[in-house]
Amino acid sequence: MDELEMIRRKKMLELMKRAGMIEVKPKGPKVVIEVITSPGCPYCPIAWAMAQELERKYEGVIARELSVATPEGQRKAMEHNIMGTPTILIDNKVEFIGVPNFAEFERRVREKLGLQ
């Protein structure tokens, strides 16, 4: 590939990104989302799906599910005095108890990424 072809490809990618044809994940520092769940909880899968969506949408976001049925989940619940599920921690700090409003959840994650 010659230099002119490389310039053309780069310009084409740039134009496609601007036009919204290619999704660009904002880059930033890592943010860890931990969703504390319990077996049989009807709301936990919703909170976990929201966290996974934010992980897909933003580079630097890592989502983890921790069940209170596991030793690691029990330890985390005791460490943060968690009494109900789902509970969402962002960077090891309790941010939401229950299923949050997705827009608010996303706003807090963007804040942690330095995007607002």
N, C-alpha and C. Protein backbone atom coordinates (compact mmCIF):
# COMPACT_ATOMS: atom_id res chain seq x y z
N MET A 1 0.86 -1.17 0.00
CA MET A 1 0.00 0.00 0.00
C MET A 1 0.91 1.24 0.00
N ASP A 2 0.66 2.12 -0.93
CA ASP A 2 1.48 3.32 -1.01
C ASP A 2 0.96 4.39 -0.05
N GLU A 3 1.72 5.45 0.06
CA GLU A 3 1.40 6.52 1.01
C GLU A 3 0.06 7.19 0.69
N LEU A 4 -0.21 7.39 -0.59
CA LEU A 4 -1.46 8.02 -1.00
C LEU A 4 -2.67 7.17 -0.59
N GLU A 5 -2.57 5.86 -0.75
CA GLU A 5 -3.65 4.95 -0.36
C GLU A 5 -3.88 4.99 1.16
N MET A 6 -2.81 5.06 1.93
CA MET A 6 -2.93 5.14 3.39
C MET A 6 -3.64 6.43 3.79
N ILE A 7 -3.31 7.53 3.13
CA ILE A 7 -3.96 8.81 3.43
C ILE A 7 -5.45 8.73 3.08
N ARG A 8 -5.77 8.13 1.94
CA ARG A 8 -7.17 7.98 1.54
C ARG A 8 -7.96 7.17 2.56
N ARG A 9 -7.40 6.05 3.00
CA ARG A 9 -8.09 5.19 3.98
C ARG A 9 -8.31 5.91 5.30
N LYS A 10 -7.28 6.62 5.74
CA LYS A 10 -7.39 7.36 7.00
C LYS A 10 -8.49 8.41 6.90
N LYS A 11 -8.51 9.14 5.79
CA LYS A 11 -9.52 10.18 5.58
C LYS A 11 -10.92 9.58 5.51
N MET A 12 -11.05 8.44 4.82
CA MET A 12 -12.34 7.76 4.70
C MET A 12 -12.85 7.31 6.07
N LEU A 13 -11.98 6.74 6.91
CA LEU A 13 -12.37 6.34 8.26
C LEU A 13 -12.82 7.54 9.08
N GLU A 14 -12.09 8.64 8.95
CA GLU A 14 -12.44 9.86 9.67
C GLU A 14 -13.83 10.36 9.26
N LEU A 15 -14.11 10.37 7.96
CA LEU A 15 -15.41 10.81 7.47
C LEU A 15 -16.53 9.87 7.91
N MET A 16 -16.27 8.57 7.92
CA MET A 16 -17.27 7.59 8.35
C MET A 16 -17.57 7.75 9.83
N LYS A 17 -16.56 8.05 10.64
CA LYS A 17 -16.77 8.27 12.08
C LYS A 17 -17.64 9.50 12.30
N ARG A 18 -17.33 10.58 11.58
CA ARG A 18 -18.11 11.82 11.71
C ARG A 18 -19.56 11.62 11.29
N ALA A 19 -19.77 10.80 10.27
CA ALA A 19 -21.12 10.56 9.76
C ALA A 19 -21.90 9.58 10.64
N GLY A 20 -21.23 9.01 11.62
CA GLY A 20 -21.89 8.06 12.52
C GLY A 20 -22.00 6.67 11.94
N MET A 21 -21.27 6.41 10.88
CA MET A 21 -21.30 5.08 10.26
C MET A 21 -20.45 4.08 11.03
N ILE A 22 -19.50 4.59 11.79
CA ILE A 22 -18.64 3.76 12.62
C ILE A 22 -18.76 4.27 14.04
N GLU A 23 -19.04 3.36 14.98
CA GLU A 23 -19.16 3.76 16.38
C GLU A 23 -17.76 3.91 16.96
N VAL A 24 -17.53 5.03 17.60
CA VAL A 24 -16.25 5.29 18.22
C VAL A 24 -16.43 5.25 19.73
N LYS A 25 -15.71 4.36 20.38
CA LYS A 25 -15.77 4.30 21.83
C LYS A 25 -14.83 5.36 22.40
N PRO A 26 -15.34 6.22 23.26
CA PRO A 26 -14.45 7.20 23.87
C PRO A 26 -13.36 6.49 24.68
N LYS A 27 -12.15 7.01 24.57
CA LYS A 27 -11.05 6.42 25.33
C LYS A 27 -10.90 7.17 26.64
N GLY A 28 -10.49 6.46 27.66
CA GLY A 28 -10.31 7.10 28.95
C GLY A 28 -9.79 6.09 29.95
N PRO A 29 -9.68 6.50 31.18
CA PRO A 29 -9.17 5.60 32.20
C PRO A 29 -10.17 4.48 32.49
N LYS A 30 -9.70 3.44 33.11
CA LYS A 30 -10.56 2.31 33.42
C LYS A 30 -11.51 2.65 34.56
N VAL A 31 -12.74 2.21 34.38
CA VAL A 31 -13.77 2.34 35.40
C VAL A 31 -14.30 0.93 35.62
N VAL A 32 -14.34 0.51 36.88
CA VAL A 32 -14.81 -0.83 37.20
C VAL A 32 -16.21 -0.75 37.79
N ILE A 33 -17.15 -1.43 37.11
CA ILE A 33 -18.52 -1.53 37.60
C ILE A 33 -18.69 -2.93 38.16
N GLU A 34 -19.13 -3.01 39.40
CA GLU A 34 -19.41 -4.31 40.01
C GLU A 34 -20.89 -4.35 40.37
N VAL A 35 -21.57 -5.36 39.87
CA VAL A 35 -22.99 -5.53 40.16
C VAL A 35 -23.12 -6.70 41.14
N ILE A 36 -23.55 -6.39 42.34
CA ILE A 36 -23.74 -7.42 43.37
C ILE A 36 -25.15 -7.98 43.16
N THR A 37 -25.21 -9.29 42.93
CA THR A 37 -26.48 -9.94 42.63
C THR A 37 -26.73 -11.08 43.60
N SER A 38 -27.97 -11.58 43.56
CA SER A 38 -28.30 -12.78 44.34
C SER A 38 -29.15 -13.70 43.47
N PRO A 39 -29.02 -15.01 43.67
CA PRO A 39 -29.80 -15.96 42.87
C PRO A 39 -31.29 -15.73 43.08
N GLY A 40 -32.03 -15.79 42.02
CA GLY A 40 -33.49 -15.65 42.12
C GLY A 40 -33.99 -14.23 42.15
N CYS A 41 -33.09 -13.26 42.20
CA CYS A 41 -33.50 -11.85 42.22
C CYS A 41 -34.02 -11.48 40.83
N PRO A 42 -35.25 -10.99 40.72
CA PRO A 42 -35.80 -10.66 39.40
C PRO A 42 -35.22 -9.38 38.80
N TYR A 43 -34.62 -8.53 39.62
CA TYR A 43 -34.10 -7.25 39.14
C TYR A 43 -32.61 -7.29 38.81
N CYS A 44 -31.91 -8.25 39.37
CA CYS A 44 -30.45 -8.35 39.16
C CYS A 44 -30.06 -8.49 37.69
N PRO A 45 -30.76 -9.32 36.90
CA PRO A 45 -30.38 -9.42 35.48
C PRO A 45 -30.52 -8.09 34.72
N ILE A 46 -31.45 -7.25 35.14
CA ILE A 46 -31.63 -5.95 34.49
C ILE A 46 -30.42 -5.06 34.78
N ALA A 47 -30.03 -5.00 36.05
CA ALA A 47 -28.87 -4.18 36.43
C ALA A 47 -27.60 -4.69 35.76
N TRP A 48 -27.45 -6.01 35.69
CA TRP A 48 -26.27 -6.60 35.06
C TRP A 48 -26.25 -6.28 33.57
N ALA A 49 -27.39 -6.34 32.90
CA ALA A 49 -27.47 -6.02 31.46
C ALA A 49 -27.10 -4.56 31.22
N MET A 50 -27.51 -3.68 32.12
CA MET A 50 -27.16 -2.25 31.99
C MET A 50 -25.65 -2.06 32.09
N ALA A 51 -25.04 -2.74 33.05
CA ALA A 51 -23.58 -2.63 33.23
C ALA A 51 -22.85 -3.17 32.00
N GLN A 52 -23.34 -4.27 31.45
CA GLN A 52 -22.72 -4.85 30.25
C GLN A 52 -22.84 -3.90 29.06
N GLU A 53 -23.97 -3.21 28.96
CA GLU A 53 -24.17 -2.26 27.87
C GLU A 53 -23.17 -1.11 27.97
N LEU A 54 -22.94 -0.62 29.19
CA LEU A 54 -21.97 0.46 29.37
C LEU A 54 -20.55 -0.03 29.07
N GLU A 55 -20.26 -1.28 29.40
CA GLU A 55 -18.95 -1.85 29.09
C GLU A 55 -18.74 -1.91 27.57
N ARG A 56 -19.80 -2.29 26.85
CA ARG A 56 -19.71 -2.34 25.38
C ARG A 56 -19.57 -0.94 24.78
N LYS A 57 -20.25 0.01 25.37
CA LYS A 57 -20.33 1.36 24.80
C LYS A 57 -19.07 2.20 25.03
N TYR A 58 -18.41 2.00 26.17
CA TYR A 58 -17.27 2.85 26.52
C TYR A 58 -16.01 2.03 26.72
N GLU A 59 -14.97 2.41 26.01
CA GLU A 59 -13.67 1.78 26.21
C GLU A 59 -13.16 2.20 27.59
N GLY A 60 -12.56 1.28 28.28
CA GLY A 60 -12.04 1.59 29.61
C GLY A 60 -13.01 1.23 30.72
N VAL A 61 -14.19 0.72 30.37
CA VAL A 61 -15.17 0.30 31.38
C VAL A 61 -15.13 -1.23 31.48
N ILE A 62 -15.01 -1.71 32.69
CA ILE A 62 -15.02 -3.14 32.95
C ILE A 62 -16.20 -3.43 33.87
N ALA A 63 -17.04 -4.38 33.46
CA ALA A 63 -18.22 -4.76 34.27
C ALA A 63 -18.01 -6.16 34.82
N ARG A 64 -18.33 -6.33 36.09
CA ARG A 64 -18.22 -7.63 36.75
C ARG A 64 -19.50 -7.90 37.53
N GLU A 65 -19.92 -9.14 37.50
CA GLU A 65 -21.06 -9.55 38.31
C GLU A 65 -20.54 -10.38 39.47
N LEU A 66 -20.96 -10.04 40.67
CA LEU A 66 -20.56 -10.79 41.86
C LEU A 66 -21.82 -11.24 42.59
N SER A 67 -22.00 -12.54 42.66
CA SER A 67 -23.17 -13.08 43.35
C SER A 67 -22.86 -13.25 44.83
N VAL A 68 -23.85 -12.92 45.67
CA VAL A 68 -23.66 -13.11 47.11
C VAL A 68 -23.64 -14.60 47.47
N ALA A 69 -23.90 -15.46 46.49
CA ALA A 69 -23.84 -16.91 46.71
C ALA A 69 -22.40 -17.42 46.60
N THR A 70 -21.46 -16.54 46.24
CA THR A 70 -20.06 -16.93 46.14
C THR A 70 -19.27 -16.28 47.28
N PRO A 71 -18.14 -16.87 47.65
CA PRO A 71 -17.32 -16.26 48.71
C PRO A 71 -16.87 -14.83 48.37
N GLU A 72 -16.50 -14.60 47.11
CA GLU A 72 -16.07 -13.25 46.71
C GLU A 72 -17.23 -12.25 46.83
N GLY A 73 -18.42 -12.67 46.40
CA GLY A 73 -19.59 -11.81 46.50
C GLY A 73 -19.97 -11.53 47.95
N GLN A 74 -19.89 -12.55 48.79
CA GLN A 74 -20.18 -12.38 50.23
C GLN A 74 -19.19 -11.40 50.86
N ARG A 75 -17.92 -11.56 50.50
CA ARG A 75 -16.89 -10.68 51.06
C ARG A 75 -17.16 -9.22 50.66
N LYS A 76 -17.48 -9.02 49.38
CA LYS A 76 -17.74 -7.66 48.88
C LYS A 76 -18.99 -7.07 49.56
N ALA A 77 -20.02 -7.89 49.72
CA ALA A 77 -21.25 -7.43 50.38
C ALA A 77 -20.99 -7.03 51.83
N MET A 78 -20.19 -7.83 52.52
CA MET A 78 -19.86 -7.51 53.92
C MET A 78 -18.99 -6.26 53.99
N GLU A 79 -18.05 -6.14 53.09
CA GLU A 79 -17.13 -5.01 53.07
C GLU A 79 -17.87 -3.68 52.91
N HIS A 80 -18.95 -3.69 52.12
CA HIS A 80 -19.70 -2.46 51.86
C HIS A 80 -21.05 -2.42 52.58
N ASN A 81 -21.28 -3.37 53.50
CA ASN A 81 -22.51 -3.42 54.27
C ASN A 81 -23.75 -3.45 53.36
N ILE A 82 -23.68 -4.27 52.32
CA ILE A 82 -24.77 -4.38 51.35
C ILE A 82 -25.84 -5.30 51.90
N MET A 83 -27.07 -4.79 51.95
CA MET A 83 -28.18 -5.55 52.51
C MET A 83 -29.20 -5.96 51.46
N GLY A 84 -29.10 -5.40 50.25
CA GLY A 84 -30.08 -5.72 49.21
C GLY A 84 -29.42 -5.80 47.84
N THR A 85 -30.08 -6.51 46.96
CA THR A 85 -29.56 -6.64 45.60
C THR A 85 -30.63 -6.23 44.60
N PRO A 86 -30.24 -5.76 43.45
CA PRO A 86 -28.86 -5.52 43.03
C PRO A 86 -28.30 -4.25 43.67
N THR A 87 -27.01 -4.27 43.89
CA THR A 87 -26.28 -3.09 44.33
C THR A 87 -25.16 -2.89 43.33
N ILE A 88 -24.98 -1.66 42.89
CA ILE A 88 -23.97 -1.36 41.88
C ILE A 88 -22.88 -0.50 42.50
N LEU A 89 -21.65 -1.00 42.38
CA LEU A 89 -20.48 -0.26 42.82
C LEU A 89 -19.75 0.25 41.59
N ILE A 90 -19.30 1.47 41.65
CA ILE A 90 -18.45 2.02 40.59
C ILE A 90 -17.15 2.42 41.26
N ASP A 91 -16.07 1.83 40.79
CA ASP A 91 -14.75 2.04 41.37
C ASP A 91 -14.76 1.81 42.88
N ASN A 92 -15.37 0.68 43.26
CA ASN A 92 -15.40 0.20 44.64
C ASN A 92 -16.18 1.11 45.60
N LYS A 93 -17.12 1.89 45.06
CA LYS A 93 -17.96 2.75 45.89
C LYS A 93 -19.42 2.47 45.52
N VAL A 94 -20.26 2.27 46.54
CA VAL A 94 -21.68 2.01 46.28
C VAL A 94 -22.29 3.25 45.63
N GLU A 95 -22.84 3.05 44.44
CA GLU A 95 -23.47 4.16 43.70
C GLU A 95 -24.98 4.00 43.60
N PHE A 96 -25.45 2.74 43.47
CA PHE A 96 -26.89 2.50 43.32
C PHE A 96 -27.29 1.25 44.10
N ILE A 97 -28.45 1.33 44.73
CA ILE A 97 -29.08 0.17 45.34
C ILE A 97 -30.39 -0.01 44.60
N GLY A 98 -30.57 -1.17 44.01
CA GLY A 98 -31.72 -1.40 43.14
C GLY A 98 -31.34 -1.11 41.70
N VAL A 99 -32.31 -1.18 40.82
CA VAL A 99 -32.06 -0.92 39.40
C VAL A 99 -32.11 0.58 39.17
N PRO A 100 -31.00 1.16 38.70
CA PRO A 100 -30.99 2.60 38.49
C PRO A 100 -31.64 3.00 37.17
N ASN A 101 -31.90 4.28 37.05
CA ASN A 101 -32.31 4.85 35.77
C ASN A 101 -31.07 4.78 34.88
N PHE A 102 -31.22 4.23 33.65
CA PHE A 102 -30.05 4.02 32.80
C PHE A 102 -29.32 5.32 32.49
N ALA A 103 -30.04 6.39 32.25
CA ALA A 103 -29.41 7.68 31.93
C ALA A 103 -28.53 8.16 33.09
N GLU A 104 -29.01 7.99 34.31
CA GLU A 104 -28.23 8.39 35.48
C GLU A 104 -27.01 7.49 35.66
N PHE A 105 -27.18 6.20 35.44
CA PHE A 105 -26.08 5.23 35.52
C PHE A 105 -25.00 5.62 34.50
N GLU A 106 -25.42 5.88 33.29
CA GLU A 106 -24.47 6.25 32.23
C GLU A 106 -23.79 7.58 32.56
N ARG A 107 -24.55 8.53 33.10
CA ARG A 107 -23.98 9.83 33.45
C ARG A 107 -22.86 9.67 34.48
N ARG A 108 -23.09 8.83 35.47
CA ARG A 108 -22.06 8.62 36.50
C ARG A 108 -20.82 7.94 35.95
N VAL A 109 -21.02 6.99 35.05
CA VAL A 109 -19.88 6.30 34.44
C VAL A 109 -19.09 7.29 33.57
N ARG A 110 -19.81 8.10 32.79
CA ARG A 110 -19.13 9.10 31.94
C ARG A 110 -18.35 10.09 32.80
N GLU A 111 -18.93 10.45 33.95
CA GLU A 111 -18.26 11.35 34.88
C GLU A 111 -16.93 10.74 35.34
N LYS A 112 -16.98 9.46 35.70
CA LYS A 112 -15.77 8.76 36.16
C LYS A 112 -14.73 8.65 35.04
N LEU A 113 -15.20 8.57 33.80
CA LEU A 113 -14.29 8.50 32.65
C LEU A 113 -13.74 9.88 32.27
N GLY A 114 -14.30 10.92 32.90
CA GLY A 114 -13.86 12.28 32.59
C GLY A 114 -14.46 12.79 31.30
N LEU A 115 -15.66 12.31 30.94
CA LEU A 115 -16.30 12.71 29.69
C LEU A 115 -17.36 13.78 29.89
N GLN A 116 -17.54 14.28 31.10
CA GLN A 116 -18.55 15.33 31.30
C GLN A 116 -17.97 16.49 32.03
